[in-house]
Each structure stands twice: as C-alpha cells, then as structure tokens.
Amino acid sequence: MYKKRIELYNARMATMNISAARDNLSDAVELSRTEAVFLERYGQRAAVLLSHERYEQLMAAAEDAEDVAAFDAAMDEEGPNIPWDQVKADLGWE
C-alpha cells in the first residue's frame, strides 16, 4: 500500500500514490499523525499530508523566520541610534 522513507534529518515519512490514499483515506490521515505522508501521482510527488498539529508547528516556524528577517532588515537600516533608556521609556517599560 505505501512505502516508508527516511529523508532530511532522519524524519519519518511515508509515500502513497494518490489512488491508494483515496481508497484508504482514513489510514492515510491516521498515518499523518505520526509522519508526513507524500502523495504521488505518476511516480512524482504531488502533495503532502500532515497532521493539524504539525502544520501549525510549521506555520509558527515560518512566522518566526519572517520576524527574524524583519528584525535583521531593521538592524541594517541606516539612521541615528536611539539610546536604550529612550526605547524603554517609549515602550512604557519604565
């Protein structure tokens, strides 16, 4: 029905063709709770089935990466330095 693979940092993954996933959707969903399930069409990866929890983790990581990129861009901006005491006062931390 499906074959398991070890890829990328030894993460557990399974591969199913789309027809098998369609015929055994509840099994595919259950399997996605413990590992990513790659769905293949004509031997090529077409989609990935993930648990809701794993999807939320990935989305949070992507948002964190965007926050880091925005911070780095702000740090690269030219302009006058603002003293830390002023920053704390502006934020109401004092």
N, C-alpha and C. Protein backbone atom coordinates (compact mmCIF):
# COMPACT_ATOMS: atom_id res chain seq x y z
N MET A 1 0.82 -1.19 0.00
CA MET A 1 0.00 0.00 0.00
C MET A 1 0.86 1.25 0.00
N TYR A 2 1.87 1.36 0.85
CA TYR A 2 2.76 2.51 0.86
C TYR A 2 4.14 2.05 1.28
N LYS A 3 5.12 2.90 0.97
CA LYS A 3 6.48 2.57 1.38
C LYS A 3 7.00 3.70 2.25
N LYS A 4 7.76 3.35 3.28
CA LYS A 4 8.32 4.35 4.18
C LYS A 4 9.68 4.77 3.66
N ARG A 5 10.03 6.03 3.92
CA ARG A 5 11.33 6.57 3.54
C ARG A 5 11.95 7.30 4.70
N ILE A 6 13.26 7.34 4.72
CA ILE A 6 13.99 8.15 5.67
C ILE A 6 14.69 9.24 4.86
N GLU A 7 14.37 10.49 5.15
CA GLU A 7 14.94 11.62 4.43
C GLU A 7 15.11 12.78 5.39
N LEU A 8 15.88 13.75 5.01
CA LEU A 8 16.02 15.01 5.72
C LEU A 8 16.05 14.86 7.24
N TYR A 9 17.19 14.79 7.79
CA TYR A 9 17.39 14.74 9.23
C TYR A 9 16.72 13.53 9.86
N ASN A 10 16.66 12.43 9.15
CA ASN A 10 16.08 11.19 9.65
C ASN A 10 14.61 11.34 10.05
N ALA A 11 13.91 12.30 9.44
CA ALA A 11 12.48 12.46 9.72
C ALA A 11 11.73 11.29 9.10
N ARG A 12 10.72 10.82 9.81
CA ARG A 12 9.94 9.71 9.29
C ARG A 12 8.95 10.23 8.27
N MET A 13 8.86 9.55 7.14
CA MET A 13 7.95 9.92 6.07
C MET A 13 7.43 8.66 5.40
N ALA A 14 6.25 8.77 4.85
CA ALA A 14 5.68 7.66 4.09
C ALA A 14 5.30 8.20 2.72
N THR A 15 5.20 7.31 1.76
CA THR A 15 4.80 7.67 0.40
C THR A 15 3.63 6.79 0.00
N MET A 16 2.60 7.40 -0.55
CA MET A 16 1.44 6.67 -1.06
C MET A 16 1.08 7.25 -2.42
N ASN A 17 0.62 6.41 -3.31
CA ASN A 17 0.11 7.01 -4.54
C ASN A 17 -1.29 7.54 -4.24
N ILE A 18 -1.73 8.47 -5.03
CA ILE A 18 -2.99 9.15 -4.76
C ILE A 18 -4.16 8.17 -4.76
N SER A 19 -4.14 7.20 -5.64
CA SER A 19 -5.22 6.21 -5.68
C SER A 19 -5.31 5.43 -4.37
N ALA A 20 -4.16 5.00 -3.84
CA ALA A 20 -4.15 4.27 -2.58
C ALA A 20 -4.63 5.17 -1.44
N ALA A 21 -4.23 6.43 -1.46
CA ALA A 21 -4.67 7.36 -0.42
C ALA A 21 -6.18 7.57 -0.50
N ARG A 22 -6.71 7.67 -1.70
CA ARG A 22 -8.14 7.85 -1.89
C ARG A 22 -8.90 6.63 -1.36
N ASP A 23 -8.40 5.45 -1.68
CA ASP A 23 -9.06 4.21 -1.25
C ASP A 23 -8.92 3.96 0.24
N ASN A 24 -7.91 4.53 0.86
CA ASN A 24 -7.62 4.29 2.28
C ASN A 24 -7.42 5.61 3.01
N LEU A 25 -8.29 6.56 2.77
CA LEU A 25 -8.10 7.91 3.31
C LEU A 25 -7.97 7.92 4.83
N SER A 26 -8.79 7.16 5.52
CA SER A 26 -8.69 7.17 6.99
C SER A 26 -7.34 6.65 7.45
N ASP A 27 -6.78 5.65 6.75
CA ASP A 27 -5.45 5.15 7.10
C ASP A 27 -4.38 6.21 6.82
N ALA A 28 -4.52 6.92 5.71
CA ALA A 28 -3.55 7.97 5.37
C ALA A 28 -3.59 9.09 6.39
N VAL A 29 -4.79 9.48 6.80
CA VAL A 29 -4.92 10.53 7.81
C VAL A 29 -4.33 10.06 9.14
N GLU A 30 -4.61 8.85 9.53
CA GLU A 30 -4.06 8.31 10.78
C GLU A 30 -2.53 8.27 10.72
N LEU A 31 -1.98 7.85 9.61
CA LEU A 31 -0.53 7.81 9.44
C LEU A 31 0.08 9.20 9.53
N SER A 32 -0.64 10.20 9.03
CA SER A 32 -0.12 11.58 9.05
C SER A 32 0.01 12.13 10.46
N ARG A 33 -0.60 11.47 11.44
CA ARG A 33 -0.47 11.91 12.83
C ARG A 33 0.94 11.67 13.35
N THR A 34 1.65 10.70 12.77
CA THR A 34 2.99 10.35 13.25
C THR A 34 4.10 10.67 12.26
N GLU A 35 3.75 10.90 11.00
CA GLU A 35 4.77 11.22 10.00
C GLU A 35 4.12 11.89 8.78
N ALA A 36 4.92 12.58 8.03
CA ALA A 36 4.43 13.19 6.79
C ALA A 36 4.13 12.09 5.78
N VAL A 37 3.06 12.27 5.03
CA VAL A 37 2.68 11.30 4.01
C VAL A 37 2.76 12.01 2.65
N PHE A 38 3.72 11.61 1.83
CA PHE A 38 3.85 12.18 0.50
C PHE A 38 2.89 11.45 -0.44
N LEU A 39 2.09 12.20 -1.15
CA LEU A 39 1.17 11.63 -2.12
C LEU A 39 1.78 11.79 -3.51
N GLU A 40 1.85 10.69 -4.23
CA GLU A 40 2.49 10.69 -5.55
C GLU A 40 1.47 10.44 -6.66
N ARG A 41 1.71 11.11 -7.77
CA ARG A 41 0.94 10.90 -9.00
C ARG A 41 1.94 10.60 -10.10
N TYR A 42 1.79 9.45 -10.73
CA TYR A 42 2.71 9.02 -11.80
C TYR A 42 4.15 9.01 -11.33
N GLY A 43 4.36 8.61 -10.06
CA GLY A 43 5.70 8.49 -9.52
C GLY A 43 6.34 9.80 -9.10
N GLN A 44 5.62 10.91 -9.21
CA GLN A 44 6.14 12.22 -8.82
C GLN A 44 5.36 12.73 -7.61
N ARG A 45 6.05 13.34 -6.68
CA ARG A 45 5.37 13.89 -5.51
C ARG A 45 4.42 14.99 -5.94
N ALA A 46 3.18 14.91 -5.47
CA ALA A 46 2.16 15.88 -5.84
C ALA A 46 1.66 16.69 -4.65
N ALA A 47 1.71 16.11 -3.45
CA ALA A 47 1.20 16.78 -2.26
C ALA A 47 1.77 16.10 -1.02
N VAL A 48 1.55 16.74 0.12
CA VAL A 48 1.97 16.18 1.40
C VAL A 48 0.80 16.27 2.35
N LEU A 49 0.55 15.18 3.05
CA LEU A 49 -0.49 15.13 4.06
C LEU A 49 0.17 15.22 5.42
N LEU A 50 -0.21 16.25 6.20
CA LEU A 50 0.36 16.48 7.53
C LEU A 50 -0.75 16.52 8.55
N SER A 51 -0.41 16.22 9.79
CA SER A 51 -1.39 16.39 10.87
C SER A 51 -1.61 17.88 11.09
N HIS A 52 -2.74 18.19 11.69
CA HIS A 52 -3.04 19.58 12.00
C HIS A 52 -1.97 20.17 12.93
N GLU A 53 -1.53 19.38 13.91
CA GLU A 53 -0.53 19.87 14.86
C GLU A 53 0.79 20.19 14.16
N ARG A 54 1.23 19.31 13.27
CA ARG A 54 2.49 19.54 12.56
C ARG A 54 2.38 20.75 11.65
N TYR A 55 1.24 20.90 11.00
CA TYR A 55 1.02 22.07 10.14
C TYR A 55 1.14 23.36 10.96
N GLU A 56 0.51 23.38 12.14
CA GLU A 56 0.58 24.57 13.00
C GLU A 56 2.02 24.85 13.42
N GLN A 57 2.80 23.79 13.74
CA GLN A 57 4.20 23.98 14.10
C GLN A 57 4.98 24.61 12.94
N LEU A 58 4.76 24.11 11.75
CA LEU A 58 5.46 24.64 10.57
C LEU A 58 5.09 26.09 10.29
N MET A 59 3.80 26.41 10.44
CA MET A 59 3.37 27.78 10.21
C MET A 59 3.97 28.73 11.25
N ALA A 60 4.04 28.30 12.50
CA ALA A 60 4.64 29.12 13.55
C ALA A 60 6.13 29.33 13.27
N ALA A 61 6.81 28.29 12.82
CA ALA A 61 8.23 28.41 12.48
C ALA A 61 8.43 29.38 11.32
N ALA A 62 7.54 29.33 10.34
CA ALA A 62 7.64 30.25 9.20
C ALA A 62 7.43 31.70 9.65
N GLU A 63 6.46 31.90 10.54
CA GLU A 63 6.23 33.25 11.07
C GLU A 63 7.43 33.74 11.87
N ASP A 64 8.02 32.86 12.66
CA ASP A 64 9.21 33.24 13.42
C ASP A 64 10.35 33.63 12.48
N ALA A 65 10.51 32.89 11.39
CA ALA A 65 11.56 33.20 10.42
C ALA A 65 11.31 34.56 9.78
N GLU A 66 10.05 34.87 9.49
CA GLU A 66 9.73 36.18 8.93
C GLU A 66 10.04 37.28 9.93
N ASP A 67 9.74 37.04 11.22
CA ASP A 67 10.04 38.03 12.26
C ASP A 67 11.54 38.28 12.35
N VAL A 68 12.33 37.23 12.28
CA VAL A 68 13.79 37.36 12.34
C VAL A 68 14.29 38.16 11.13
N ALA A 69 13.74 37.86 9.95
CA ALA A 69 14.15 38.58 8.74
C ALA A 69 13.80 40.05 8.85
N ALA A 70 12.62 40.38 9.39
CA ALA A 70 12.23 41.77 9.56
C ALA A 70 13.14 42.48 10.56
N PHE A 71 13.49 41.78 11.64
CA PHE A 71 14.39 42.35 12.63
C PHE A 71 15.76 42.62 12.02
N ASP A 72 16.28 41.65 11.27
CA ASP A 72 17.58 41.82 10.62
C ASP A 72 17.55 42.99 9.66
N ALA A 73 16.47 43.14 8.91
CA ALA A 73 16.35 44.25 7.96
C ALA A 73 16.33 45.58 8.72
N ALA A 74 15.62 45.63 9.84
CA ALA A 74 15.56 46.85 10.63
C ALA A 74 16.94 47.19 11.20
N MET A 75 17.68 46.17 11.61
CA MET A 75 19.01 46.42 12.15
C MET A 75 19.97 46.93 11.08
N ASP A 76 19.72 46.58 9.82
CA ASP A 76 20.59 47.01 8.73
C ASP A 76 20.29 48.43 8.26
N GLU A 77 19.16 48.99 8.71
CA GLU A 77 18.81 50.34 8.28
C GLU A 77 19.80 51.36 8.83
N GLU A 78 20.07 52.34 8.02
CA GLU A 78 20.93 53.44 8.44
C GLU A 78 20.08 54.46 9.19
N GLY A 79 20.67 55.15 10.11
CA GLY A 79 19.95 56.18 10.85
C GLY A 79 20.57 56.38 12.21
N PRO A 80 20.07 57.37 12.92
CA PRO A 80 20.63 57.65 14.25
C PRO A 80 20.29 56.53 15.23
N ASN A 81 21.21 56.31 16.14
CA ASN A 81 20.97 55.33 17.20
C ASN A 81 20.07 55.95 18.25
N ILE A 82 19.20 55.14 18.83
CA ILE A 82 18.32 55.60 19.90
C ILE A 82 18.81 54.96 21.19
N PRO A 83 19.07 55.76 22.20
CA PRO A 83 19.55 55.19 23.47
C PRO A 83 18.55 54.20 24.05
N TRP A 84 19.05 53.16 24.69
CA TRP A 84 18.20 52.11 25.26
C TRP A 84 17.20 52.68 26.26
N ASP A 85 17.62 53.63 27.09
CA ASP A 85 16.71 54.24 28.06
C ASP A 85 15.53 54.91 27.36
N GLN A 86 15.78 55.52 26.22
CA GLN A 86 14.71 56.15 25.45
C GLN A 86 13.74 55.11 24.88
N VAL A 87 14.30 54.01 24.39
CA VAL A 87 13.47 52.93 23.85
C VAL A 87 12.56 52.38 24.93
N LYS A 88 13.12 52.11 26.14
CA LYS A 88 12.32 51.58 27.24
C LYS A 88 11.22 52.57 27.63
N ALA A 89 11.55 53.86 27.66
CA ALA A 89 10.55 54.88 28.02
C ALA A 89 9.45 54.94 26.96
N ASP A 90 9.83 54.85 25.68
CA ASP A 90 8.84 54.89 24.60
C ASP A 90 7.90 53.70 24.66
N LEU A 91 8.40 52.55 25.12
CA LEU A 91 7.59 51.34 25.24
C LEU A 91 6.83 51.24 26.56
N GLY A 92 7.07 52.20 27.45
CA GLY A 92 6.39 52.19 28.74
C GLY A 92 6.95 51.17 29.71
N TRP A 93 8.20 50.81 29.52
CA TRP A 93 8.83 49.81 30.38
C TRP A 93 9.43 50.43 31.64
N GLU A 94 9.37 51.71 31.76
CA GLU A 94 9.94 52.36 32.96
C GLU A 94 8.88 53.02 33.76
